[in-house]
């Protein structure tokens, strides 16, 4: 995070930097609660957010639970529709002629987009924009939002990096994100907390992330 902060401020990271306590004003923090997290998040993934939440609250920051005005499942569904239609527009002919050489998941995505009408695509895009605006209006009082970035620790093997469901809504919302490793699960694999801010607050989020890293310390919590 210190290097990222230097880049945003056009500083040379090779120079001596002050790595002491990063200062931030008292924060108002929203812990995002959504049925998606309760349904798919592992106990360890949810607990690490609660542990970081406790550290910040004990440091004097105001922490509240906040529910998005639209379920994150709706963001995921509409986003997939829009991506499928756009993938079909750009890659439909390639998939039709080279299906056997393309991964099944991408073929399925493109074919679902080919079956969608332009009217439904435009409706999905409008809905996403409306939901995005209403969600940021609900999140406006908060300097920082916190949530789990993934449902669990890294999956075994190299076949997948894990489901993207926890980050898809935030991709649609379009604000800056940072992910800070914070704890280990029962198998010794790292778990993290995701910090989010409104669009345009990239530098502020990096500074807050530096502070959260400092608060957490070098060791894993829990």
Protein backbone atom coordinates (compact mmCIF):
# COMPACT_ATOMS: atom_id res chain seq x y z
CA UNK A 1 0.00 0.00 0.00
CA UNK A 2 2.88 2.39 0.67
CA UNK A 3 4.20 1.85 -2.85
CA UNK A 4 0.73 2.38 -4.34
CA UNK A 5 0.36 5.61 -2.38
CA UNK A 6 3.73 6.83 -3.68
CA UNK A 7 2.73 6.09 -7.25
CA UNK A 8 -0.48 8.13 -6.91
CA UNK A 9 1.56 11.00 -5.48
CA UNK A 10 4.36 10.63 -8.05
CA UNK A 11 6.94 9.85 -5.41
CA UNK A 12 9.98 7.62 -5.92
CA UNK A 13 9.45 4.50 -3.81
CA UNK A 14 13.24 4.08 -3.56
CA UNK A 15 13.52 7.17 -1.38
CA UNK A 16 13.31 6.92 2.38
CA UNK A 17 9.65 6.97 3.31
CA UNK A 18 7.91 7.55 6.61
CA UNK A 19 6.43 4.15 7.48
CA UNK A 20 5.25 5.19 10.94
CA UNK A 21 1.63 5.42 12.00
CA UNK A 22 -0.42 6.61 8.97
CA UNK A 23 -2.82 9.25 10.20
CA UNK A 24 -6.49 9.38 9.24
CA UNK A 25 -9.38 11.36 10.63
CA UNK A 26 -12.15 9.56 12.47
CA UNK A 27 -13.90 7.35 9.94
CA UNK A 28 -17.48 6.35 9.46
CA UNK A 29 -17.35 2.75 8.26
CA UNK A 30 -20.11 0.67 6.73
CA UNK A 31 -19.91 -3.10 7.06
CA UNK A 32 -21.86 -4.29 4.03
CA UNK A 33 -24.41 -7.00 4.79
CA UNK A 34 -26.10 -8.84 1.95
CA UNK A 35 -27.78 -12.26 1.66
CA UNK A 36 -25.03 -13.26 -0.81
CA UNK A 37 -22.41 -13.07 1.94
CA UNK A 38 -24.52 -14.93 4.47
CA UNK A 39 -25.42 -17.64 1.94
CA UNK A 40 -22.04 -18.27 0.31
CA UNK A 41 -19.42 -16.89 2.68
CA UNK A 42 -17.51 -19.36 4.82
CA UNK A 43 -17.49 -18.75 8.58
CA UNK A 44 -13.78 -17.85 8.35
CA UNK A 45 -14.36 -15.31 5.56
CA UNK A 46 -17.12 -13.57 7.52
CA UNK A 47 -15.17 -13.69 10.79
CA UNK A 48 -12.12 -11.88 9.41
CA UNK A 49 -14.30 -8.89 8.44
CA UNK A 50 -15.73 -8.87 11.95
CA UNK A 51 -12.22 -8.97 13.44
CA UNK A 52 -11.00 -5.99 11.41
CA UNK A 53 -14.29 -4.24 12.22
CA UNK A 54 -13.55 -4.72 15.93
CA UNK A 55 -10.03 -3.31 15.62
CA UNK A 56 -11.34 -0.17 13.94
CA UNK A 57 -14.19 0.26 16.38
CA UNK A 58 -11.81 -0.06 19.33
CA UNK A 59 -9.65 2.63 17.73
CA UNK A 60 -12.59 5.05 17.96
CA UNK A 61 -14.04 4.86 14.46
CA UNK A 62 -17.80 4.69 13.97
CA UNK A 63 -18.84 1.33 12.55
CA UNK A 64 -22.33 0.49 11.30
CA UNK A 65 -23.98 -2.33 9.39
CA UNK A 66 -25.40 -1.24 6.04
CA UNK A 67 -27.59 -3.15 3.60
CA UNK A 68 -27.50 -2.27 -0.10
CA UNK A 69 -30.87 -1.09 -1.47
CA UNK A 70 -30.66 -3.79 -4.14
CA UNK A 71 -29.57 -7.39 -3.48
CA UNK A 72 -26.13 -8.16 -4.87
CA UNK A 73 -27.65 -11.21 -6.59
CA UNK A 74 -29.51 -8.76 -8.86
CA UNK A 75 -26.25 -7.04 -9.78
CA UNK A 76 -24.68 -10.39 -10.64
CA UNK A 77 -27.61 -11.54 -12.78
CA UNK A 78 -27.92 -8.31 -14.77
CA UNK A 79 -24.15 -7.98 -15.16
CA UNK A 80 -23.95 -11.48 -16.60
CA UNK A 81 -26.71 -10.66 -19.10
CA UNK A 82 -24.89 -7.53 -20.26
CA UNK A 83 -21.52 -9.27 -20.50
CA UNK A 84 -23.05 -12.20 -22.38
CA UNK A 85 -24.64 -9.93 -24.98
CA UNK A 86 -21.42 -7.97 -25.47
CA UNK A 87 -19.35 -11.16 -25.67
CA UNK A 88 -21.72 -12.48 -28.34
CA UNK A 89 -21.45 -9.24 -30.31
CA UNK A 90 -17.66 -9.43 -30.43
CA UNK A 91 -16.97 -13.16 -30.36
CA UNK A 92 -20.13 -14.83 -31.66
CA UNK A 93 -18.75 -15.72 -35.09
CA UNK A 94 -15.52 -17.07 -33.57
CA UNK A 95 -17.42 -19.32 -31.19
CA UNK A 96 -19.67 -20.60 -33.97
CA UNK A 97 -16.72 -21.63 -36.14
CA UNK A 98 -14.26 -22.79 -33.45
CA UNK A 99 -16.46 -24.08 -30.65
CA UNK A 100 -14.39 -27.21 -30.03
CA UNK A 101 -11.26 -25.13 -29.36
CA UNK A 102 -12.89 -22.78 -26.85
CA UNK A 103 -13.66 -23.38 -23.19
CA UNK A 104 -17.13 -24.59 -22.32
CA UNK A 105 -17.87 -21.72 -19.92
CA UNK A 106 -17.09 -19.07 -22.51
CA UNK A 107 -19.11 -20.90 -25.18
CA UNK A 108 -22.07 -21.04 -22.80
CA UNK A 109 -21.71 -17.31 -22.06
CA UNK A 110 -21.58 -16.33 -25.73
CA UNK A 111 -24.48 -18.57 -26.72
CA UNK A 112 -26.65 -17.12 -23.97
CA UNK A 113 -25.79 -13.65 -25.27
CA UNK A 114 -26.67 -14.62 -28.83
CA UNK A 115 -30.13 -15.61 -27.60
CA UNK A 116 -30.70 -12.20 -25.97
CA UNK A 117 -32.46 -9.35 -27.73
CA UNK A 118 -30.96 -5.88 -27.95
CA UNK A 119 -34.00 -4.58 -26.09
CA UNK A 120 -33.33 -6.85 -23.12
CA UNK A 121 -29.64 -5.95 -23.16
CA UNK A 122 -30.40 -2.23 -23.04
CA UNK A 123 -32.92 -2.82 -20.28
CA UNK A 124 -30.28 -4.68 -18.24
CA UNK A 125 -27.79 -1.84 -18.71
CA UNK A 126 -30.34 0.78 -17.65
CA UNK A 127 -31.25 -1.24 -14.58
CA UNK A 128 -27.60 -1.56 -13.60
CA UNK A 129 -27.04 2.18 -13.90
CA UNK A 130 -30.13 2.93 -11.82
CA UNK A 131 -29.14 0.39 -9.16
CA UNK A 132 -25.60 1.75 -9.11
CA UNK A 133 -26.81 5.32 -8.48
CA UNK A 134 -29.23 4.23 -5.76
CA UNK A 135 -26.61 2.09 -4.05
CA UNK A 136 -24.03 4.87 -3.88
CA UNK A 137 -26.72 7.18 -2.53
CA UNK A 138 -27.25 4.67 0.30
CA UNK A 139 -23.49 4.33 0.83
CA UNK A 140 -22.84 8.10 0.68
CA UNK A 141 -22.59 8.64 4.46
CA UNK A 142 -19.61 6.27 4.76
CA UNK A 143 -15.93 7.05 4.32
CA UNK A 144 -15.16 3.36 3.95
CA UNK A 145 -17.06 0.19 3.17
CA UNK A 146 -15.91 -3.28 4.18
CA UNK A 147 -16.86 -6.73 2.93
CA UNK A 148 -15.31 -10.14 2.26
CA UNK A 149 -13.63 -10.22 -1.18
CA UNK A 150 -14.16 -13.95 -1.74
CA UNK A 151 -16.38 -16.65 -0.23
CA UNK A 152 -13.45 -18.58 1.28
CA UNK A 153 -9.71 -19.03 1.09
CA UNK A 154 -8.02 -20.05 -2.16
CA UNK A 155 -9.49 -23.25 -3.65
CA UNK A 156 -7.32 -26.33 -3.99
CA UNK A 157 -5.66 -27.06 -7.32
CA UNK A 158 -5.07 -24.86 -10.36
CA UNK A 159 -8.35 -25.38 -12.21
CA UNK A 160 -9.99 -22.22 -10.87
CA UNK A 161 -9.21 -19.07 -8.92
CA UNK A 162 -12.60 -19.30 -7.26
CA UNK A 163 -16.01 -17.75 -7.94
CA UNK A 164 -16.14 -14.02 -8.78
CA UNK A 165 -19.56 -13.43 -7.20
CA UNK A 166 -18.33 -11.37 -4.26
CA UNK A 167 -16.46 -8.89 -6.49
CA UNK A 168 -18.91 -8.65 -9.41
CA UNK A 169 -21.29 -6.19 -7.68
CA UNK A 170 -18.33 -3.96 -6.81
CA UNK A 171 -17.10 -4.11 -10.41
CA UNK A 172 -20.49 -2.75 -11.47
CA UNK A 173 -20.42 -0.08 -8.74
CA UNK A 174 -17.14 1.17 -10.16
CA UNK A 175 -15.38 2.50 -7.06
CA UNK A 176 -11.79 1.76 -6.01
CA UNK A 177 -11.11 -1.41 -4.04
CA UNK A 178 -8.24 -2.72 -1.97
CA UNK A 179 -7.79 -6.16 -0.48
CA UNK A 180 -5.72 -6.69 2.66
CA UNK A 181 -4.66 -10.17 3.87
CA UNK A 182 -5.68 -10.30 7.49
CA UNK A 183 -6.02 -13.85 8.83
CA UNK A 184 -5.49 -17.55 8.17
CA UNK A 185 -8.16 -20.23 7.91
CA UNK A 186 -8.00 -23.61 9.64
CA UNK A 187 -5.76 -24.92 6.84
CA UNK A 188 -3.29 -22.08 7.15
CA UNK A 189 -4.46 -20.36 3.97
CA UNK A 190 -4.81 -16.56 3.89
CA UNK A 191 -8.11 -14.72 4.17
CA UNK A 192 -8.61 -11.04 3.49
CA UNK A 193 -10.87 -8.07 3.98
CA UNK A 194 -11.94 -5.86 1.08
CA UNK A 195 -12.10 -2.09 1.48
CA UNK A 196 -14.18 0.01 -0.90
CA UNK A 197 -14.84 3.70 -1.51
CA UNK A 198 -16.91 5.78 -3.88
CA UNK A 199 -15.66 6.46 -7.43
CA UNK A 200 -12.96 9.12 -7.51
CA UNK A 201 -11.69 8.41 -4.00
CA UNK A 202 -8.73 6.25 -5.03
CA UNK A 203 -6.07 8.22 -3.16
CA UNK A 204 -8.19 8.41 -0.01
CA UNK A 205 -8.80 4.66 -0.08
CA UNK A 206 -5.09 3.93 -0.43
CA UNK A 207 -4.33 6.16 2.57
CA UNK A 208 -7.05 4.44 4.63
CA UNK A 209 -5.78 1.04 3.51
CA UNK A 210 -2.30 1.95 4.75
CA UNK A 211 -3.88 2.83 8.07
CA UNK A 212 -5.82 -0.46 8.26
CA UNK A 213 -2.61 -2.37 7.48
CA UNK A 214 -0.88 -0.51 10.28
CA UNK A 215 -3.76 -1.20 12.67
CA UNK A 216 -3.68 -4.91 11.83
CA UNK A 217 0.07 -5.17 12.32
CA UNK A 218 2.47 -7.50 10.57
CA UNK A 219 0.98 -10.69 12.01
CA UNK A 220 -2.30 -12.31 11.00
CA UNK A 221 -5.16 -11.66 13.39
CA UNK A 222 -7.38 -14.31 14.91
